[in-house]
Structure formats: C-alpha cells, structure tokens
Amino acid sequence: MLTARERVRQAEGVMAELRTALRAVGITLPSLGVDPVSCASAHMAPLVELGRCNLDTARRLAGVLADYARVAVPGHGEEGPRP
C-alpha cells in the first residue's frame, strides 16, 4: 500500500505526463492539478483534476482526440462508431 506522500508523487508524475502531452499539441488546461483529498485517502486511488477550460480549449482537445480516434480506431471519429 502506498503512503500519502507516494500517492501524491504518483499523481504529480501522471499529471506532468499529461501536461507535457497536451502542450505537445498546443493545449493548456489551466486548472490541471492533483486532487489532494484523493491522495490523502487510503481508500481511494489518487486522482488528477482536469479542471475547467474555455470553449476554444475544449474544442481543440476534442479535435485532437477525434483525429487520434480516426487514425487509431478505424471507423471512429467525429461521427461516432460505424456499424
């Protein structure tokens, strides 16, 4: 079982990975952070708080995910799965 400090470090590491990946595609989530309550709990997994963003950022994030879905999972994308 991880200590609270280890859970915080783990969550901070994943948050940093996510921040780096988002920046690589030109996206910044201004409220990205570690959820302190989940890291302090021995009963729940550490959580990364994605936070709020403006419509432009949300639209760009949706576009990046849709582009990835079209390449990674043929038949998926903005229009949804194909039968």
N, C-alpha and C. Protein backbone atom coordinates (compact mmCIF):
# COMPACT_ATOMS: atom_id res chain seq x y z
N MET A 1 0.85 -1.18 0.00
CA MET A 1 0.00 0.00 0.00
C MET A 1 0.90 1.25 0.00
N LEU A 2 0.55 2.21 -0.82
CA LEU A 2 1.34 3.44 -0.92
C LEU A 2 1.04 4.38 0.23
N THR A 3 2.05 5.12 0.64
CA THR A 3 1.83 6.17 1.64
C THR A 3 1.20 7.37 0.95
N ALA A 4 0.70 8.31 1.73
CA ALA A 4 0.10 9.52 1.16
C ALA A 4 1.12 10.26 0.31
N ARG A 5 2.34 10.34 0.78
CA ARG A 5 3.40 11.03 0.02
C ARG A 5 3.66 10.33 -1.31
N GLU A 6 3.67 9.00 -1.31
CA GLU A 6 3.88 8.25 -2.54
C GLU A 6 2.71 8.43 -3.51
N ARG A 7 1.48 8.48 -2.98
CA ARG A 7 0.31 8.71 -3.83
C ARG A 7 0.38 10.09 -4.48
N VAL A 8 0.81 11.09 -3.70
CA VAL A 8 0.95 12.45 -4.25
C VAL A 8 2.00 12.45 -5.35
N ARG A 9 3.14 11.83 -5.10
CA ARG A 9 4.21 11.78 -6.12
C ARG A 9 3.73 11.07 -7.39
N GLN A 10 3.00 9.98 -7.20
CA GLN A 10 2.47 9.24 -8.34
C GLN A 10 1.51 10.12 -9.15
N ALA A 11 0.60 10.78 -8.47
CA ALA A 11 -0.37 11.65 -9.16
C ALA A 11 0.34 12.82 -9.83
N GLU A 12 1.34 13.40 -9.18
CA GLU A 12 2.09 14.51 -9.79
C GLU A 12 2.83 14.05 -11.04
N GLY A 13 3.35 12.83 -11.01
CA GLY A 13 4.04 12.30 -12.19
C GLY A 13 3.11 12.12 -13.37
N VAL A 14 1.95 11.56 -13.11
CA VAL A 14 0.97 11.36 -14.19
C VAL A 14 0.47 12.71 -14.70
N MET A 15 0.25 13.66 -13.78
CA MET A 15 -0.19 14.99 -14.17
C MET A 15 0.85 15.65 -15.07
N ALA A 16 2.12 15.50 -14.73
CA ALA A 16 3.19 16.08 -15.55
C ALA A 16 3.23 15.45 -16.94
N GLU A 17 3.04 14.13 -17.01
CA GLU A 17 2.98 13.44 -18.31
C GLU A 17 1.84 14.00 -19.15
N LEU A 18 0.68 14.17 -18.54
CA LEU A 18 -0.49 14.69 -19.25
C LEU A 18 -0.24 16.12 -19.70
N ARG A 19 0.30 16.96 -18.83
CA ARG A 19 0.58 18.35 -19.19
C ARG A 19 1.54 18.41 -20.38
N THR A 20 2.58 17.58 -20.36
CA THR A 20 3.55 17.55 -21.46
C THR A 20 2.88 17.11 -22.76
N ALA A 21 2.06 16.07 -22.70
CA ALA A 21 1.38 15.58 -23.90
C ALA A 21 0.42 16.64 -24.45
N LEU A 22 -0.30 17.32 -23.57
CA LEU A 22 -1.22 18.36 -24.02
C LEU A 22 -0.46 19.53 -24.64
N ARG A 23 0.62 19.93 -24.02
CA ARG A 23 1.42 21.04 -24.57
C ARG A 23 1.98 20.69 -25.94
N ALA A 24 2.30 19.42 -26.16
CA ALA A 24 2.84 19.00 -27.45
C ALA A 24 1.86 19.22 -28.59
N VAL A 25 0.57 19.27 -28.26
CA VAL A 25 -0.45 19.53 -29.29
C VAL A 25 -1.08 20.91 -29.10
N GLY A 26 -0.40 21.77 -28.33
CA GLY A 26 -0.83 23.16 -28.19
C GLY A 26 -1.99 23.39 -27.26
N ILE A 27 -2.21 22.51 -26.30
CA ILE A 27 -3.34 22.65 -25.38
C ILE A 27 -2.83 22.83 -23.96
N THR A 28 -3.41 23.80 -23.26
CA THR A 28 -3.11 24.01 -21.85
C THR A 28 -4.42 23.95 -21.07
N LEU A 29 -4.46 23.09 -20.07
CA LEU A 29 -5.60 23.06 -19.16
C LEU A 29 -5.17 23.85 -17.92
N PRO A 30 -5.68 25.06 -17.76
CA PRO A 30 -5.19 25.95 -16.70
C PRO A 30 -5.41 25.44 -15.29
N SER A 31 -6.41 24.60 -15.08
CA SER A 31 -6.71 24.12 -13.73
C SER A 31 -6.19 22.71 -13.48
N LEU A 32 -5.36 22.18 -14.38
CA LEU A 32 -4.83 20.84 -14.22
C LEU A 32 -4.06 20.75 -12.90
N GLY A 33 -4.38 19.74 -12.11
CA GLY A 33 -3.70 19.59 -10.83
C GLY A 33 -4.00 18.25 -10.19
N VAL A 34 -3.42 18.06 -9.02
CA VAL A 34 -3.61 16.84 -8.24
C VAL A 34 -4.75 17.08 -7.25
N ASP A 35 -5.65 16.12 -7.14
CA ASP A 35 -6.74 16.20 -6.18
C ASP A 35 -6.20 15.81 -4.81
N PRO A 36 -6.06 16.76 -3.89
CA PRO A 36 -5.43 16.46 -2.60
C PRO A 36 -6.22 15.49 -1.73
N VAL A 37 -7.54 15.53 -1.82
CA VAL A 37 -8.35 14.64 -0.99
C VAL A 37 -8.12 13.18 -1.36
N SER A 38 -8.10 12.89 -2.65
CA SER A 38 -7.89 11.50 -3.08
C SER A 38 -6.49 11.01 -2.73
N CYS A 39 -5.52 11.89 -2.76
CA CYS A 39 -4.15 11.49 -2.43
C CYS A 39 -3.98 11.23 -0.94
N ALA A 40 -4.78 11.87 -0.13
CA ALA A 40 -4.68 11.70 1.32
C ALA A 40 -5.44 10.48 1.80
N SER A 41 -6.35 9.98 0.99
CA SER A 41 -7.19 8.85 1.38
C SER A 41 -6.47 7.53 1.18
N ALA A 42 -6.61 6.65 2.13
CA ALA A 42 -6.06 5.30 2.00
C ALA A 42 -7.03 4.40 1.25
N HIS A 43 -8.24 4.89 0.98
CA HIS A 43 -9.29 4.05 0.40
C HIS A 43 -9.60 4.35 -1.06
N MET A 44 -9.08 5.43 -1.58
CA MET A 44 -9.35 5.73 -2.98
C MET A 44 -8.05 5.96 -3.73
N ALA A 45 -8.11 5.72 -5.02
CA ALA A 45 -6.94 5.93 -5.87
C ALA A 45 -6.70 7.43 -6.04
N PRO A 46 -5.44 7.84 -6.19
CA PRO A 46 -5.16 9.25 -6.44
C PRO A 46 -5.82 9.70 -7.75
N LEU A 47 -6.32 10.92 -7.74
CA LEU A 47 -6.98 11.47 -8.92
C LEU A 47 -6.23 12.70 -9.42
N VAL A 48 -6.26 12.87 -10.74
CA VAL A 48 -5.76 14.09 -11.37
C VAL A 48 -6.99 14.92 -11.72
N GLU A 49 -6.99 16.15 -11.27
CA GLU A 49 -8.10 17.08 -11.52
C GLU A 49 -7.84 17.76 -12.86
N LEU A 50 -8.72 17.54 -13.84
CA LEU A 50 -8.56 18.17 -15.14
C LEU A 50 -9.03 19.62 -15.12
N GLY A 51 -9.97 19.93 -14.27
CA GLY A 51 -10.42 21.31 -14.11
C GLY A 51 -11.28 21.80 -15.25
N ARG A 52 -11.47 23.11 -15.25
CA ARG A 52 -12.32 23.75 -16.25
C ARG A 52 -11.45 24.41 -17.31
N CYS A 53 -12.05 24.59 -18.49
CA CYS A 53 -11.34 25.29 -19.57
C CYS A 53 -12.38 26.03 -20.41
N ASN A 54 -11.89 26.95 -21.22
CA ASN A 54 -12.81 27.71 -22.07
C ASN A 54 -13.23 26.86 -23.28
N LEU A 55 -14.19 27.38 -24.02
CA LEU A 55 -14.74 26.62 -25.15
C LEU A 55 -13.71 26.34 -26.23
N ASP A 56 -12.83 27.30 -26.49
CA ASP A 56 -11.80 27.10 -27.51
C ASP A 56 -10.88 25.94 -27.13
N THR A 57 -10.46 25.90 -25.88
CA THR A 57 -9.59 24.81 -25.42
C THR A 57 -10.32 23.48 -25.50
N ALA A 58 -11.57 23.44 -25.07
CA ALA A 58 -12.36 22.21 -25.13
C ALA A 58 -12.52 21.74 -26.58
N ARG A 59 -12.75 22.68 -27.48
CA ARG A 59 -12.91 22.34 -28.90
C ARG A 59 -11.60 21.78 -29.47
N ARG A 60 -10.47 22.40 -29.12
CA ARG A 60 -9.17 21.91 -29.60
C ARG A 60 -8.86 20.52 -29.04
N LEU A 61 -9.19 20.31 -27.77
CA LEU A 61 -8.98 18.99 -27.16
C LEU A 61 -9.86 17.94 -27.86
N ALA A 62 -11.10 18.28 -28.11
CA ALA A 62 -11.99 17.36 -28.82
C ALA A 62 -11.45 17.05 -30.22
N GLY A 63 -10.90 18.05 -30.89
CA GLY A 63 -10.33 17.84 -32.22
C GLY A 63 -9.13 16.90 -32.20
N VAL A 64 -8.26 17.08 -31.22
CA VAL A 64 -7.09 16.20 -31.09
C VAL A 64 -7.53 14.76 -30.84
N LEU A 65 -8.50 14.59 -29.95
CA LEU A 65 -8.99 13.25 -29.65
C LEU A 65 -9.69 12.62 -30.86
N ALA A 66 -10.47 13.42 -31.58
CA ALA A 66 -11.16 12.91 -32.78
C ALA A 66 -10.14 12.51 -33.85
N ASP A 67 -9.11 13.33 -34.04
CA ASP A 67 -8.06 12.99 -35.01
C ASP A 67 -7.38 11.68 -34.63
N TYR A 68 -7.07 11.52 -33.37
CA TYR A 68 -6.44 10.29 -32.90
C TYR A 68 -7.37 9.10 -33.11
N ALA A 69 -8.64 9.27 -32.79
CA ALA A 69 -9.60 8.17 -32.94
C ALA A 69 -9.71 7.73 -34.39
N ARG A 70 -9.68 8.67 -35.32
CA ARG A 70 -9.77 8.33 -36.74
C ARG A 70 -8.58 7.47 -37.18
N VAL A 71 -7.40 7.76 -36.63
CA VAL A 71 -6.19 7.03 -37.01
C VAL A 71 -6.07 5.72 -36.24
N ALA A 72 -6.30 5.78 -34.94
CA ALA A 72 -6.06 4.63 -34.07
C ALA A 72 -7.16 3.58 -34.14
N VAL A 73 -8.39 4.03 -34.34
CA VAL A 73 -9.53 3.10 -34.34
C VAL A 73 -10.35 3.36 -35.60
N PRO A 74 -10.02 2.67 -36.68
CA PRO A 74 -10.78 2.90 -37.92
C PRO A 74 -12.29 2.76 -37.68
N GLY A 75 -13.03 3.67 -38.28
CA GLY A 75 -14.48 3.66 -38.11
C GLY A 75 -14.96 4.53 -36.98
N HIS A 76 -14.03 5.16 -36.24
CA HIS A 76 -14.41 6.05 -35.15
C HIS A 76 -13.88 7.45 -35.46
N GLY A 77 -14.52 8.42 -34.92
CA GLY A 77 -14.13 9.80 -35.13
C GLY A 77 -15.27 10.70 -34.74
N GLU A 78 -15.33 11.86 -35.36
CA GLU A 78 -16.35 12.85 -35.00
C GLU A 78 -17.76 12.30 -35.19
N GLU A 79 -17.93 11.47 -36.20
CA GLU A 79 -19.27 10.97 -36.49
C GLU A 79 -19.64 9.77 -35.63
N GLY A 80 -18.74 9.27 -34.82
CA GLY A 80 -19.03 8.14 -33.94
C GLY A 80 -18.71 6.82 -34.62
N PRO A 81 -18.95 5.71 -33.92
CA PRO A 81 -18.64 4.40 -34.48
C PRO A 81 -19.52 4.06 -35.67
N ARG A 82 -18.94 3.35 -36.59
CA ARG A 82 -19.70 2.87 -37.75
C ARG A 82 -20.12 1.44 -37.51
N PRO A 83 -21.31 1.08 -37.94
CA PRO A 83 -21.79 -0.31 -37.75
C PRO A 83 -20.97 -1.30 -38.56
